[in-house]
Amino acid sequence: MSCYYIIGVRMDNRIDNAVKFQEVLTKNGCKIKTRLGMHEVRDEDCSNDGLIVLQPCGNKEDVEGLVNELNRLEGITAKYIDLN
């Protein structure tokens, strides 16, 4: 098992897509060591798009499976970097 992977996720329309995204993360919670979410915040409004950085742990097939599952969600684009 390795934790030397990073998954970058772009979420469009996070108000509508966050629930399904969170369901996938919860289902895979034991495989995710770190999660960092970022979105633009301004006085007048809050951005509806965001970036999420995940640090999964597992073998390459586990990580690829998570990325594929995320990419099946509407409004989600996920890519990973293998740092092994």
PDB file of N, CA and C in Angstrom:
ATOM      1  N   MET A   1       0.842  -1.183   0.000  1.00  0.00           N
ATOM      2  CA  MET A   1       0.000   0.000   0.000  1.00  0.00           C
ATOM      3  C   MET A   1       0.881   1.238   0.000  1.00  0.00           C
ATOM      4  N   SER A   2       0.482   2.239  -0.754  1.00  0.00           N
ATOM      5  CA  SER A   2       1.242   3.476  -0.851  1.00  0.00           C
ATOM      6  C   SER A   2       0.308   4.672  -0.698  1.00  0.00           C
ATOM      7  N   CYS A   3       0.837   5.735  -0.131  1.00  0.00           N
ATOM      8  CA  CYS A   3       0.097   7.001  -0.019  1.00  0.00           C
ATOM      9  C   CYS A   3       0.756   8.082  -0.860  1.00  0.00           C
ATOM     10  N   TYR A   4       1.575   7.677  -1.835  1.00  0.00           N
ATOM     11  CA  TYR A   4       2.276   8.624  -2.692  1.00  0.00           C
ATOM     12  C   TYR A   4       1.508   8.889  -3.986  1.00  0.00           C
ATOM     13  N   TYR A   5       0.242   9.209  -3.824  1.00  0.00           N
ATOM     14  CA  TYR A   5      -0.624   9.601  -4.927  1.00  0.00           C
ATOM     15  C   TYR A   5      -1.305  10.914  -4.550  1.00  0.00           C
ATOM     16  N   ILE A   6      -1.627  11.711  -5.549  1.00  0.00           N
ATOM     17  CA  ILE A   6      -2.416  12.923  -5.364  1.00  0.00           C
ATOM     18  C   ILE A   6      -3.509  12.904  -6.433  1.00  0.00           C
ATOM     19  N   ILE A   7      -4.735  13.166  -6.027  1.00  0.00           N
ATOM     20  CA  ILE A   7      -5.833  13.304  -6.971  1.00  0.00           C
ATOM     21  C   ILE A   7      -6.283  14.758  -6.940  1.00  0.00           C
ATOM     22  N   GLY A   8      -6.275  15.387  -8.098  1.00  0.00           N
ATOM     23  CA  GLY A   8      -6.807  16.737  -8.240  1.00  0.00           C
ATOM     24  C   GLY A   8      -8.198  16.652  -8.829  1.00  0.00           C
ATOM     25  N   VAL A   9      -9.136  17.366  -8.226  1.00  0.00           N
ATOM     26  CA  VAL A   9     -10.531  17.311  -8.657  1.00  0.00           C
ATOM     27  C   VAL A   9     -11.033  18.728  -8.914  1.00  0.00           C
ATOM     28  N   ARG A  10     -11.664  18.926 -10.054  1.00  0.00           N
ATOM     29  CA  ARG A  10     -12.373  20.166 -10.327  1.00  0.00           C
ATOM     30  C   ARG A  10     -13.855  19.847 -10.263  1.00  0.00           C
ATOM     31  N   MET A  11     -14.564  20.635  -9.483  1.00  0.00           N
ATOM     32  CA  MET A  11     -16.006  20.452  -9.366  1.00  0.00           C
ATOM     33  C   MET A  11     -16.705  21.693  -9.924  1.00  0.00           C
ATOM     34  N   ASP A  12     -17.518  21.495 -10.949  1.00  0.00           N
ATOM     35  CA  ASP A  12     -18.371  22.548 -11.484  1.00  0.00           C
ATOM     36  C   ASP A  12     -19.712  22.474 -10.761  1.00  0.00           C
ATOM     37  N   ASN A  13     -20.328  23.607 -10.569  1.00  0.00           N
ATOM     38  CA  ASN A  13     -21.661  23.664  -9.970  1.00  0.00           C
ATOM     39  C   ASN A  13     -21.718  22.868  -8.663  1.00  0.00           C
ATOM     40  N   ARG A  14     -20.861  23.236  -7.724  1.00  0.00           N
ATOM     41  CA  ARG A  14     -20.722  22.447  -6.502  1.00  0.00           C
ATOM     42  C   ARG A  14     -21.992  22.384  -5.668  1.00  0.00           C
ATOM     43  N   ILE A  15     -22.856  23.376  -5.786  1.00  0.00           N
ATOM     44  CA  ILE A  15     -24.113  23.340  -5.029  1.00  0.00           C
ATOM     45  C   ILE A  15     -24.938  22.122  -5.448  1.00  0.00           C
ATOM     46  N   ASP A  16     -24.988  21.840  -6.749  1.00  0.00           N
ATOM     47  CA  ASP A  16     -25.760  20.693  -7.239  1.00  0.00           C
ATOM     48  C   ASP A  16     -24.992  19.379  -7.184  1.00  0.00           C
ATOM     49  N   ASN A  17     -23.664  19.420  -7.269  1.00  0.00           N
ATOM     50  CA  ASN A  17     -22.879  18.188  -7.414  1.00  0.00           C
ATOM     51  C   ASN A  17     -22.184  17.708  -6.138  1.00  0.00           C
ATOM     52  N   ALA A  18     -22.190  18.505  -5.109  1.00  0.00           N
ATOM     53  CA  ALA A  18     -21.429  18.158  -3.903  1.00  0.00           C
ATOM     54  C   ALA A  18     -21.957  16.922  -3.182  1.00  0.00           C
ATOM     55  N   VAL A  19     -23.255  16.709  -3.193  1.00  0.00           N
ATOM     56  CA  VAL A  19     -23.831  15.578  -2.451  1.00  0.00           C
ATOM     57  C   VAL A  19     -23.348  14.250  -3.020  1.00  0.00           C
ATOM     58  N   LYS A  20     -23.430  14.086  -4.334  1.00  0.00           N
ATOM     59  CA  LYS A  20     -22.970  12.829  -4.963  1.00  0.00           C
ATOM     60  C   LYS A  20     -21.464  12.652  -4.777  1.00  0.00           C
ATOM     61  N   PHE A  21     -20.723  13.757  -4.883  1.00  0.00           N
ATOM     62  CA  PHE A  21     -19.279  13.710  -4.666  1.00  0.00           C
ATOM     63  C   PHE A  21     -18.971  13.237  -3.244  1.00  0.00           C
ATOM     64  N   GLN A  22     -19.670  13.803  -2.273  1.00  0.00           N
ATOM     65  CA  GLN A  22     -19.444  13.417  -0.878  1.00  0.00           C
ATOM     66  C   GLN A  22     -19.796  11.955  -0.638  1.00  0.00           C
ATOM     67  N   GLU A  23     -20.815  11.450  -1.305  1.00  0.00           N
ATOM     68  CA  GLU A  23     -21.181  10.038  -1.171  1.00  0.00           C
ATOM     69  C   GLU A  23     -20.032   9.132  -1.618  1.00  0.00           C
ATOM     70  N   VAL A  24     -19.372   9.483  -2.726  1.00  0.00           N
ATOM     71  CA  VAL A  24     -18.232   8.690  -3.210  1.00  0.00           C
ATOM     72  C   VAL A  24     -17.084   8.772  -2.210  1.00  0.00           C
ATOM     73  N   LEU A  25     -16.820   9.967  -1.683  1.00  0.00           N
ATOM     74  CA  LEU A  25     -15.734  10.096  -0.699  1.00  0.00           C
ATOM     75  C   LEU A  25     -16.035   9.301   0.565  1.00  0.00           C
ATOM     76  N   THR A  26     -17.271   9.337   1.023  1.00  0.00           N
ATOM     77  CA  THR A  26     -17.640   8.598   2.225  1.00  0.00           C
ATOM     78  C   THR A  26     -17.476   7.092   2.000  1.00  0.00           C
ATOM     79  N   LYS A  27     -17.917   6.621   0.828  1.00  0.00           N
ATOM     80  CA  LYS A  27     -17.790   5.195   0.488  1.00  0.00           C
ATOM     81  C   LYS A  27     -16.329   4.758   0.465  1.00  0.00           C
ATOM     82  N   ASN A  28     -15.437   5.661   0.056  1.00  0.00           N
ATOM     83  CA  ASN A  28     -14.008   5.359  -0.060  1.00  0.00           C
ATOM     84  C   ASN A  28     -13.192   5.983   1.072  1.00  0.00           C
ATOM     85  N   GLY A  29     -13.847   6.342   2.153  1.00  0.00           N
ATOM     86  CA  GLY A  29     -13.199   7.076   3.246  1.00  0.00           C
ATOM     87  C   GLY A  29     -11.963   6.419   3.822  1.00  0.00           C
ATOM     88  N   CYS A  30     -11.928   5.107   3.869  1.00  0.00           N
ATOM     89  CA  CYS A  30     -10.757   4.421   4.431  1.00  0.00           C
ATOM     90  C   CYS A  30      -9.563   4.445   3.487  1.00  0.00           C
ATOM     91  N   LYS A  31      -9.771   4.871   2.236  1.00  0.00           N
ATOM     92  CA  LYS A  31      -8.688   4.958   1.266  1.00  0.00           C
ATOM     93  C   LYS A  31      -8.143   6.385   1.136  1.00  0.00           C
ATOM     94  N   ILE A  32      -8.784   7.364   1.805  1.00  0.00           N
ATOM     95  CA  ILE A  32      -8.403   8.763   1.639  1.00  0.00           C
ATOM     96  C   ILE A  32      -7.767   9.269   2.921  1.00  0.00           C
ATOM     97  N   LYS A  33      -6.478   9.597   2.835  1.00  0.00           N
ATOM     98  CA  LYS A  33      -5.733  10.069   4.000  1.00  0.00           C
ATOM     99  C   LYS A  33      -5.954  11.564   4.229  1.00  0.00           C
ATOM    100  N   THR A  34      -5.953  12.344   3.136  1.00  0.00           N
ATOM    101  CA  THR A  34      -6.051  13.798   3.246  1.00  0.00           C
ATOM    102  C   THR A  34      -7.025  14.326   2.210  1.00  0.00           C
ATOM    103  N   ARG A  35      -7.765  15.356   2.609  1.00  0.00           N
ATOM    104  CA  ARG A  35      -8.697  16.042   1.700  1.00  0.00           C
ATOM    105  C   ARG A  35      -8.582  17.537   1.959  1.00  0.00           C
ATOM    106  N   LEU A  36      -8.405  18.301   0.876  1.00  0.00           N
ATOM    107  CA  LEU A  36      -8.312  19.754   0.974  1.00  0.00           C
ATOM    108  C   LEU A  36      -9.231  20.351  -0.075  1.00  0.00           C
ATOM    109  N   GLY A  37     -10.192  21.145   0.338  1.00  0.00           N
ATOM    110  CA  GLY A  37     -11.129  21.781  -0.589  1.00  0.00           C
ATOM    111  C   GLY A  37     -10.874  23.272  -0.668  1.00  0.00           C
ATOM    112  N   MET A  38     -10.949  23.811  -1.887  1.00  0.00           N
ATOM    113  CA  MET A  38     -10.715  25.238  -2.096  1.00  0.00           C
ATOM    114  C   MET A  38     -11.752  25.786  -3.058  1.00  0.00           C
ATOM    115  N   HIS A  39     -12.311  26.938  -2.725  1.00  0.00           N
ATOM    116  CA  HIS A  39     -13.180  27.651  -3.649  1.00  0.00           C
ATOM    117  C   HIS A  39     -13.039  29.144  -3.375  1.00  0.00           C
ATOM    118  N   GLU A  40     -13.389  29.927  -4.367  1.00  0.00           N
ATOM    119  CA  GLU A  40     -13.265  31.384  -4.276  1.00  0.00           C
ATOM    120  C   GLU A  40     -14.320  31.948  -3.329  1.00  0.00           C
ATOM    121  N   VAL A  41     -13.899  32.800  -2.419  1.00  0.00           N
ATOM    122  CA  VAL A  41     -14.817  33.448  -1.495  1.00  0.00           C
ATOM    123  C   VAL A  41     -14.649  34.952  -1.648  1.00  0.00           C
ATOM    124  N   ARG A  42     -15.771  35.633  -1.877  1.00  0.00           N
ATOM    125  CA  ARG A  42     -15.770  37.091  -1.981  1.00  0.00           C
ATOM    126  C   ARG A  42     -16.866  37.631  -1.066  1.00  0.00           C
ATOM    127  N   ASP A  43     -16.812  38.911  -0.788  1.00  0.00           N
ATOM    128  CA  ASP A  43     -17.829  39.516   0.077  1.00  0.00           C
ATOM    129  C   ASP A  43     -19.236  39.356  -0.484  1.00  0.00           C
ATOM    130  N   GLU A  44     -19.374  39.524  -1.799  1.00  0.00           N
ATOM    131  CA  GLU A  44     -20.707  39.530  -2.389  1.00  0.00           C
ATOM    132  C   GLU A  44     -21.258  38.141  -2.705  1.00  0.00           C
ATOM    133  N   ASP A  45     -20.397  37.153  -2.877  1.00  0.00           N
ATOM    134  CA  ASP A  45     -20.887  35.809  -3.169  1.00  0.00           C
ATOM    135  C   ASP A  45     -19.788  34.774  -2.944  1.00  0.00           C
ATOM    136  N   CYS A  46     -20.174  33.526  -3.100  1.00  0.00           N
ATOM    137  CA  CYS A  46     -19.261  32.394  -2.928  1.00  0.00           C
ATOM    138  C   CYS A  46     -19.269  31.607  -4.239  1.00  0.00           C
ATOM    139  N   SER A  47     -18.101  31.313  -4.776  1.00  0.00           N
ATOM    140  CA  SER A  47     -17.994  30.633  -6.062  1.00  0.00           C
ATOM    141  C   SER A  47     -18.706  29.284  -6.040  1.00  0.00           C
ATOM    142  N   ASN A  48     -19.309  28.942  -7.147  1.00  0.00           N
ATOM    143  CA  ASN A  48     -20.001  27.671  -7.272  1.00  0.00           C
ATOM    144  C   ASN A  48     -19.102  26.576  -7.852  1.00  0.00           C
ATOM    145  N   ASP A  49     -17.858  26.904  -8.181  1.00  0.00           N
ATOM    146  CA  ASP A  49     -16.878  25.928  -8.659  1.00  0.00           C
ATOM    147  C   ASP A  49     -15.809  25.766  -7.585  1.00  0.00           C
ATOM    148  N   GLY A  50     -15.127  24.644  -7.598  1.00  0.00           N
ATOM    149  CA  GLY A  50     -14.096  24.450  -6.596  1.00  0.00           C
ATOM    150  C   GLY A  50     -13.052  23.442  -7.018  1.00  0.00           C
ATOM    151  N   LEU A  51     -11.964  23.436  -6.272  1.00  0.00           N
ATOM    152  CA  LEU A  51     -10.884  22.468  -6.441  1.00  0.00           C
ATOM    153  C   LEU A  51     -10.766  21.663  -5.160  1.00  0.00           C
ATOM    154  N   ILE A  52     -10.547  20.372  -5.323  1.00  0.00           N
ATOM    155  CA  ILE A  52     -10.346  19.481  -4.184  1.00  0.00           C
ATOM    156  C   ILE A  52      -9.073  18.693  -4.454  1.00  0.00           C
ATOM    157  N   VAL A  53      -8.226  18.591  -3.441  1.00  0.00           N
ATOM    158  CA  VAL A  53      -7.008  17.789  -3.527  1.00  0.00           C
ATOM    159  C   VAL A  53      -7.166  16.629  -2.554  1.00  0.00           C
ATOM    160  N   LEU A  54      -6.998  15.416  -3.063  1.00  0.00           N
ATOM    161  CA  LEU A  54      -7.099  14.207  -2.244  1.00  0.00           C
ATOM    162  C   LEU A  54      -5.762  13.493  -2.213  1.00  0.00           C
ATOM    163  N   GLN A  55      -5.444  12.908  -1.073  1.00  0.00           N
ATOM    164  CA  GLN A  55      -4.286  12.026  -0.955  1.00  0.00           C
ATOM    165  C   GLN A  55      -4.814  10.633  -0.608  1.00  0.00           C
ATOM    166  N   PRO A  56      -4.980   9.782  -1.624  1.00  0.00           N
ATOM    167  CA  PRO A  56      -5.461   8.438  -1.357  1.00  0.00           C
ATOM    168  C   PRO A  56      -4.312   7.504  -0.982  1.00  0.00           C
ATOM    169  N   CYS A  57      -4.672   6.428  -0.309  1.00  0.00           N
ATOM    170  CA  CYS A  57      -3.704   5.373   0.022  1.00  0.00           C
ATOM    171  C   CYS A  57      -4.237   4.054  -0.531  1.00  0.00           C
ATOM    172  N   GLY A  58      -3.335   3.268  -1.079  1.00  0.00           N
ATOM    173  CA  GLY A  58      -3.719   1.981  -1.637  1.00  0.00           C
ATOM    174  C   GLY A  58      -2.785   1.617  -2.762  1.00  0.00           C
ATOM    175  N   ASN A  59      -3.201   0.634  -3.546  1.00  0.00           N
ATOM    176  CA  ASN A  59      -2.398   0.290  -4.712  1.00  0.00           C
ATOM    177  C   ASN A  59      -2.891   1.094  -5.908  1.00  0.00           C
ATOM    178  N   LYS A  60      -2.161   1.025  -6.997  1.00  0.00           N
ATOM    179  CA  LYS A  60      -2.478   1.829  -8.179  1.00  0.00           C
ATOM    180  C   LYS A  60      -3.888   1.544  -8.688  1.00  0.00           C
ATOM    181  N   GLU A  61      -4.316   0.297  -8.653  1.00  0.00           N
ATOM    182  CA  GLU A  61      -5.649  -0.064  -9.115  1.00  0.00           C
ATOM    183  C   GLU A  61      -6.728   0.583  -8.254  1.00  0.00           C
ATOM    184  N   ASP A  62      -6.507   0.653  -6.926  1.00  0.00           N
ATOM    185  CA  ASP A  62      -7.461   1.312  -6.027  1.00  0.00           C
ATOM    186  C   ASP A  62      -7.605   2.786  -6.393  1.00  0.00           C
ATOM    187  N   VAL A  63      -6.477   3.449  -6.619  1.00  0.00           N
ATOM    188  CA  VAL A  63      -6.479   4.878  -6.938  1.00  0.00           C
ATOM    189  C   VAL A  63      -7.142   5.118  -8.287  1.00  0.00           C
ATOM    190  N   GLU A  64      -6.814   4.317  -9.274  1.00  0.00           N
ATOM    191  CA  GLU A  64      -7.436   4.457 -10.591  1.00  0.00           C
ATOM    192  C   GLU A  64      -8.939   4.218 -10.503  1.00  0.00           C
ATOM    193  N   GLY A  65      -9.353   3.263  -9.690  1.00  0.00           N
ATOM    194  CA  GLY A  65     -10.775   2.999  -9.499  1.00  0.00           C
ATOM    195  C   GLY A  65     -11.503   4.191  -8.894  1.00  0.00           C
ATOM    196  N   LEU A  66     -10.884   4.832  -7.907  1.00  0.00           N
ATOM    197  CA  LEU A  66     -11.476   6.018  -7.287  1.00  0.00           C
ATOM    198  C   LEU A  66     -11.578   7.157  -8.298  1.00  0.00           C
ATOM    199  N   VAL A  67     -10.532   7.376  -9.068  1.00  0.00           N
ATOM    200  CA  VAL A  67     -10.538   8.429 -10.084  1.00  0.00           C
ATOM    201  C   VAL A  67     -11.639   8.158 -11.116  1.00  0.00           C
ATOM    202  N   ASN A  68     -11.764   6.934 -11.562  1.00  0.00           N
ATOM    203  CA  ASN A  68     -12.806   6.579 -12.530  1.00  0.00           C
ATOM    204  C   ASN A  68     -14.204   6.796 -11.954  1.00  0.00           C
ATOM    205  N   GLU A  69     -14.380   6.423 -10.686  1.00  0.00           N
ATOM    206  CA  GLU A  69     -15.675   6.610 -10.031  1.00  0.00           C
ATOM    207  C   GLU A  69     -16.020   8.103  -9.923  1.00  0.00           C
ATOM    208  N   LEU A  70     -15.028   8.908  -9.585  1.00  0.00           N
ATOM    209  CA  LEU A  70     -15.258  10.354  -9.500  1.00  0.00           C
ATOM    210  C   LEU A  70     -15.585  10.941 -10.874  1.00  0.00           C
ATOM    211  N   ASN A  71     -14.893  10.497 -11.906  1.00  0.00           N
ATOM    212  CA  ASN A  71     -15.121  11.024 -13.252  1.00  0.00           C
ATOM    213  C   ASN A  71     -16.486  10.642 -13.827  1.00  0.00           C
ATOM    214  N   ARG A  72     -17.123   9.647 -13.267  1.00  0.00           N
ATOM    215  CA  ARG A  72     -18.466   9.272 -13.713  1.00  0.00           C
ATOM    216  C   ARG A  72     -19.531  10.246 -13.184  1.00  0.00           C
ATOM    217  N   LEU A  73     -19.169  11.067 -12.205  1.00  0.00           N
ATOM    218  CA  LEU A  73     -20.111  12.020 -11.632  1.00  0.00           C
ATOM    219  C   LEU A  73     -20.240  13.253 -12.528  1.00  0.00           C
ATOM    220  N   GLU A  74     -21.445  13.781 -12.625  1.00  0.00           N
ATOM    221  CA  GLU A  74     -21.680  14.988 -13.411  1.00  0.00           C
ATOM    222  C   GLU A  74     -20.946  16.169 -12.768  1.00  0.00           C
ATOM    223  N   GLY A  75     -20.268  16.954 -13.608  1.00  0.00           N
ATOM    224  CA  GLY A  75     -19.604  18.160 -13.139  1.00  0.00           C
ATOM    225  C   GLY A  75     -18.271  17.941 -12.455  1.00  0.00           C
ATOM    226  N   ILE A  76     -17.760  16.704 -12.485  1.00  0.00           N
ATOM    227  CA  ILE A  76     -16.504  16.374 -11.804  1.00  0.00           C
ATOM    228  C   ILE A  76     -15.455  15.978 -12.839  1.00  0.00           C
ATOM    229  N   THR A  77     -14.265  16.546 -12.705  1.00  0.00           N
ATOM    230  CA  THR A  77     -13.101  16.130 -13.486  1.00  0.00           C
ATOM    231  C   THR A  77     -12.002  15.787 -12.495  1.00  0.00           C
ATOM    232  N   ALA A  78     -11.531  14.541 -12.519  1.00  0.00           N
ATOM    233  CA  ALA A  78     -10.503  14.080 -11.587  1.00  0.00           C
ATOM    234  C   ALA A  78      -9.322  13.505 -12.359  1.00  0.00           C
ATOM    235  N   LYS A  79      -8.128  13.837 -11.901  1.00  0.00           N
ATOM    236  CA  LYS A  79      -6.894  13.292 -12.466  1.00  0.00           C
ATOM    237  C   LYS A  79      -5.949  12.986 -11.321  1.00  0.00           C
ATOM    238  N   TYR A  80      -5.075  12.018 -11.545  1.00  0.00           N
ATOM    239  CA  TYR A  80      -4.166  11.687 -10.455  1.00  0.00           C
ATOM    240  C   TYR A  80      -2.710  11.733 -10.903  1.00  0.00           C
ATOM    241  N   ILE A  81      -1.860  11.910  -9.904  1.00  0.00           N
ATOM    242  CA  ILE A  81      -0.418  11.896 -10.082  1.00  0.00           C
ATOM    243  C   ILE A  81       0.120  10.753  -9.232  1.00  0.00           C
ATOM    244  N   ASP A  82       0.915   9.905  -9.824  1.00  0.00           N
ATOM    245  CA  ASP A  82       1.561   8.803  -9.120  1.00  0.00           C
ATOM    246  C   ASP A  82       2.973   9.248  -8.780  1.00  0.00           C
ATOM    247  N   LEU A  83       3.266   9.437  -7.511  1.00  0.00           N
ATOM    248  CA  LEU A  83       4.582   9.898  -7.062  1.00  0.00           C
ATOM    249  C   LEU A  83       5.447   8.772  -6.518  1.00  0.00           C
ATOM    250  N   ASN A  84       5.076   7.536  -6.800  1.00  0.00           N
ATOM    251  CA  ASN A  84       5.865   6.389  -6.344  1.00  0.00           C
ATOM    252  C   ASN A  84       7.132   6.255  -7.159  1.00  0.00           C
TER     253      ASN A  84
END
